[in-house]
Protein backbone atom coordinates (compact mmCIF):
# COMPACT_ATOMS: atom_id res chain seq x y z
CA MET A 1 -13.02 -15.74 -28.45
CA SER A 2 -14.43 -18.73 -26.53
CA GLU A 3 -13.41 -22.37 -26.86
CA ILE A 4 -15.98 -25.10 -27.18
CA LYS A 5 -16.94 -26.57 -23.52
CA ARG A 6 -14.98 -29.67 -22.11
CA GLN A 7 -13.23 -30.67 -25.09
CA LEU A 8 -9.75 -28.45 -24.26
CA THR A 9 -6.69 -30.34 -22.45
CA ASP A 10 -4.02 -27.81 -23.47
CA VAL A 11 -4.43 -24.58 -24.50
CA PRO A 12 -3.66 -23.47 -28.28
CA ASP A 13 -0.76 -20.95 -29.28
CA LEU A 14 -3.05 -17.52 -29.22
CA SER A 15 -0.31 -15.02 -28.65
CA ARG A 16 0.11 -14.02 -32.51
CA PHE A 17 -3.25 -12.64 -32.56
CA THR A 18 -1.98 -9.50 -30.70
CA GLN A 19 -5.50 -7.87 -30.94
CA LEU A 20 -6.82 -10.25 -28.63
CA ARG A 21 -8.44 -9.00 -25.38
CA TYR A 22 -11.58 -11.13 -24.41
CA ILE A 23 -10.71 -14.82 -24.27
CA TRP A 24 -12.78 -17.49 -22.52
CA LEU A 25 -11.53 -20.75 -21.50
CA ASN A 26 -13.72 -22.02 -19.05
CA ASN A 27 -15.70 -25.22 -18.66
CA ASN A 28 -13.04 -27.65 -20.23
CA ARG A 29 -10.19 -29.88 -19.22
CA ILE A 30 -6.93 -27.99 -19.11
CA LYS A 31 -4.46 -29.07 -16.66
CA ARG A 32 -1.07 -26.88 -17.39
CA ILE A 33 -0.61 -23.71 -18.75
CA ARG A 34 2.10 -22.48 -20.49
CA GLY A 35 4.20 -18.66 -20.39
CA SER A 36 4.03 -18.52 -24.14
CA GLU A 37 0.18 -19.25 -25.04
CA PHE A 38 -1.29 -15.43 -24.62
CA HIS A 39 -0.07 -11.91 -25.78
CA CYS A 40 0.54 -9.73 -23.39
CA CYS A 41 -2.15 -7.12 -23.93
CA LEU A 42 -5.08 -9.64 -22.91
CA ALA A 43 -7.41 -7.92 -20.69
CA GLU A 44 -9.42 -10.35 -19.38
CA LEU A 45 -8.77 -14.16 -19.27
CA TYR A 46 -11.51 -16.94 -17.95
CA LEU A 47 -10.15 -20.25 -16.82
CA GLN A 48 -12.78 -21.15 -14.48
CA ASN A 49 -14.03 -24.84 -14.08
CA ASN A 50 -10.62 -26.36 -15.18
CA GLU A 51 -8.04 -29.17 -13.60
CA ILE A 52 -4.81 -26.10 -13.99
CA THR A 53 -2.56 -27.20 -10.62
CA SER A 54 -0.15 -24.25 -11.27
CA ILE A 55 0.04 -21.37 -13.21
CA THR A 56 4.19 -20.40 -12.47
CA GLY A 57 5.91 -19.18 -15.21
CA ALA A 58 2.31 -18.62 -17.39
CA LEU A 59 0.50 -15.45 -16.77
CA ARG A 60 3.17 -12.63 -15.05
CA HIS A 61 3.54 -11.00 -18.43
CA LEU A 62 -0.22 -10.06 -18.64
CA SER A 63 0.58 -6.38 -17.50
CA CYS A 64 -2.65 -5.43 -18.93
CA LEU A 65 -4.89 -8.23 -17.36
CA LYS A 66 -7.87 -6.52 -15.36
CA VAL A 67 -10.05 -9.47 -14.83
CA LEU A 68 -9.22 -13.15 -14.03
CA LEU A 69 -11.02 -16.05 -13.11
CA LEU A 70 -9.06 -19.16 -11.25
CA HIS A 71 -12.17 -20.14 -9.23
CA ASN A 72 -12.89 -24.28 -9.16
CA ASN A 73 -9.23 -25.33 -10.08
CA HIS A 74 -6.51 -27.84 -8.59
CA LEU A 75 -4.37 -25.07 -7.35
CA ILE A 76 -2.69 -26.09 -3.99
CA ILE A 77 0.48 -23.43 -3.16
CA LEU A 78 -0.85 -20.15 -2.67
CA GLU A 79 2.49 -18.40 -2.49
CA GLU A 80 3.27 -19.60 -6.02
CA THR A 81 -0.22 -18.32 -7.05
CA VAL A 82 -0.16 -14.98 -5.79
CA ASP A 83 3.76 -14.28 -7.09
CA GLU A 84 2.70 -15.23 -10.62
CA LEU A 85 0.50 -12.37 -9.93
CA ARG A 86 2.21 -9.88 -8.14
CA HIS A 87 3.22 -8.05 -11.24
CA MET A 88 -0.31 -7.51 -13.09
CA GLN A 89 -0.56 -4.03 -11.60
CA HIS A 90 -4.28 -3.49 -13.59
CA LEU A 91 -5.73 -6.53 -12.11
CA GLN A 92 -9.22 -5.61 -10.56
CA THR A 93 -11.24 -8.83 -10.49
CA LEU A 94 -9.84 -11.69 -9.52
CA ASN A 95 -11.49 -15.46 -8.85
CA LEU A 96 -10.04 -17.55 -6.78
CA PHE A 97 -12.28 -19.72 -4.58
CA LEU A 98 -12.84 -23.81 -4.73
CA ASN A 99 -9.20 -24.69 -5.40
CA PRO A 100 -7.15 -26.34 -2.72
CA PHE A 101 -5.51 -23.48 -0.88
CA SER A 102 -8.70 -21.21 -0.01
CA GLN A 103 -9.37 -23.77 2.70
CA ASP A 104 -6.50 -21.66 4.25
CA PRO A 105 -8.41 -19.58 7.10
CA LEU A 106 -5.73 -16.02 6.28
CA TYR A 107 -6.28 -17.01 2.03
CA ARG A 108 -8.39 -13.95 1.68
CA GLU A 109 -5.69 -11.79 4.09
CA TYR A 110 -2.92 -13.31 2.42
CA VAL A 111 -4.81 -12.22 -1.25
CA VAL A 112 -5.98 -8.89 -0.36
CA HIS A 113 -2.41 -7.77 1.25
CA HIS A 114 -0.17 -9.12 -1.74
CA LEU A 115 -2.40 -7.66 -4.50
CA PRO A 116 -3.15 -4.35 -3.24
CA SER A 117 -4.81 -3.86 -7.10
CA VAL A 118 -7.88 -6.13 -6.67
CA GLN A 119 -10.83 -4.42 -6.21
CA LEU A 120 -13.19 -7.51 -6.51
CA LEU A 121 -12.05 -11.23 -4.69
CA ASP A 122 -14.27 -13.61 -5.30
CA ARG A 123 -17.47 -11.87 -5.87
CA LYS A 124 -16.61 -9.51 -3.30
CA GLU A 125 -15.84 -6.18 -2.77
CA VAL A 126 -12.56 -5.38 -0.49
CA ARG A 127 -13.19 -2.82 1.34
CA GLN A 128 -10.72 -0.61 3.03
CA GLU A 129 -10.71 -1.94 6.36
CA GLU A 130 -10.14 -5.36 5.25
CA ARG A 131 -7.11 -3.60 3.68
CA ARG A 132 -5.97 -2.72 7.12
CA HIS A 133 -6.84 -5.74 9.07
CA ALA A 134 -4.54 -7.37 6.28
CA PHE A 135 -1.89 -5.70 6.81
CA LYS A 136 -1.74 -5.77 10.17
CA LEU A 137 -1.71 -9.61 9.79
CA MET A 138 0.31 -9.95 7.37
CA SER A 139 3.15 -7.53 8.07
CA PRO A 140 3.00 -7.17 11.95
CA GLU A 141 6.56 -5.59 11.90
CA ARG A 142 6.27 -2.93 10.02
CA GLN A 143 2.62 -2.29 11.81
CA ARG A 144 4.38 -1.92 14.99
CA VAL A 145 6.96 0.73 13.69
CA LEU A 146 4.01 2.62 12.04
CA ASP A 147 2.52 2.88 15.67
CA THR A 148 5.51 4.24 16.90
CA ILE A 149 5.94 7.29 14.45
CA ALA A 150 4.30 10.72 15.39
CA PHE A 151 4.97 13.84 12.97
CA GLY A 152 7.37 12.31 10.80
CA ARG A 153 9.40 10.84 13.44
CA ARG A 154 9.65 7.85 15.90
CA ALA A 155 8.03 8.81 19.11
CA LEU A 156 9.53 7.69 22.26
CA THR A 157 6.86 6.06 23.82
CA GLU A 158 9.08 2.68 24.60
CA ARG A 159 10.03 2.33 28.21
CA LYS A 160 14.02 1.77 28.25
CA MET A 161 16.41 0.79 30.72
CA ILE A 162 18.40 3.47 32.36
CA ALA A 163 22.22 3.10 32.13
CA SER A 164 24.97 4.98 34.32
CA THR A 165 27.02 7.23 33.50
CA LYS A 166 30.25 4.89 33.50
CA ARG A 167 30.55 2.28 30.06
CA GLY A 168 29.53 -0.59 30.82
CA GLN A 169 28.10 -0.55 34.05
CA TRP A 170 24.52 -0.37 35.02
CA SER A 171 22.66 2.17 37.55
CA SER A 172 22.39 1.01 41.18
CA ASN A 173 18.65 0.50 39.70
CA THR A 174 19.04 -1.82 37.65
CA LYS A 175 15.61 -3.03 36.66
CA ARG A 176 14.46 0.03 37.09
CA THR A 177 12.58 2.06 33.90
CA LYS A 178 11.16 4.97 32.54
CA CYS A 179 8.81 6.11 30.11
CA PRO A 180 10.15 9.54 28.65
CA PHE A 181 6.73 11.11 28.11
CA ASP A 182 3.43 10.09 30.67
CA GLU A 183 0.76 11.88 28.53
CA ILE A 184 0.78 12.37 24.56
CA GLU A 185 -0.38 15.99 25.30
CA ASP A 186 3.75 16.32 26.61
CA LEU A 187 5.24 15.00 23.55
CA CYS A 188 3.02 16.70 21.16
CA GLU A 189 4.15 19.80 23.12
CA ARG A 190 7.65 18.61 22.38
CA ARG A 191 7.91 17.87 19.51
CA ALA A 192 6.73 21.74 18.59
CA MET A 193 9.22 22.89 20.56
CA GLN A 194 11.86 21.10 18.38
CA ARG A 195 10.42 22.31 14.92
CA SER A 196 13.00 24.97 13.51
CA ILE A 197 11.49 28.81 14.31
CA MET A 198 10.03 29.74 11.01
CA GLN A 199 10.42 33.64 10.02
CA PHE A 200 8.83 36.46 7.65
CA SER A 201 8.02 40.10 6.64
CA THR A 202 6.22 42.18 5.42
CA LEU A 203 5.43 45.78 5.23
CA ASN A 204 3.23 47.95 7.58
CA TRP A 205 0.76 49.48 5.38
CA SER A 206 -1.12 51.21 8.04
CA SER A 207 1.86 53.19 8.33
CA ILE A 208 1.31 54.26 4.71
CA ARG A 209 -0.75 57.66 4.13
CA ALA A 210 -3.05 57.00 2.04
CA GLN A 211 -3.77 60.63 0.81
CA GLN A 212 -1.13 62.98 -1.07
CA HIS A 213 0.06 66.26 1.47
CA PRO A 214 2.05 68.95 0.96
CA LEU A 215 5.46 68.55 1.25
CA GLU A 216 5.74 70.33 4.60
CA GLU A 217 3.56 68.80 6.03
CA HIS A 218 4.93 64.66 5.10
CA SER A 219 6.12 62.70 8.23
CA SER A 220 9.53 61.87 7.37
CA THR A 221 8.79 58.88 9.45
CA ALA A 222 10.23 55.35 6.99
CA ALA A 223 8.05 53.10 6.18
CA LYS A 224 7.58 50.32 8.81
CA ILE A 225 8.39 46.11 8.03
CA LEU A 226 6.37 43.69 10.35
CA THR A 227 8.26 40.65 11.54
CA VAL A 228 6.10 37.34 12.54
CA LYS A 229 8.04 34.44 13.92
CA PHE A 230 6.31 31.37 14.11
CA ARG A 231 6.93 27.56 14.94
């Protein structure tokens, strides 16, 4: 559905058109969007080149939306805009440039981090390296935790104070610090030694006669079992 350019100042109620999948409302003078104007099965929505100041409470029910163009509007608050789009798990193409909040130096990193389904942002592909960079900037605490994990557990690599044997007291070397492992190889070796011992057994087929022999020649030696243990 395409609306006449430069004529609309408000969005009509289109929710009754349940089979509608594509709506073009770009190049108008729309300032406000209500939450009941679009059906939840909408796949593509074009709202660029309008005068929209906020989309809060208007688009979050569009769970099937894949393409959303909102560039060249008057959107000011980045956090509110992104929060409205978080529920769109299938959103792949998003344009937000030429809005006031796009002047923020971390604007792109913020959007990439909080909207992981988006593959094309402002006409530029979102690469995996960019996602990792955005994660480090937006979630530094979580990144530090991930950096200290080895073999599924937190690695003991940070320096710790050595406490004395008496509770509430420090040893004479109060300021002394100790790193439990000087080399990563030492840490890996200790991790390997801490793993549970695994064992399995199998029949040693080389101890079984391959041909039939008379009973008097048949050895009474029982078949051998091979046992293997490893960490």
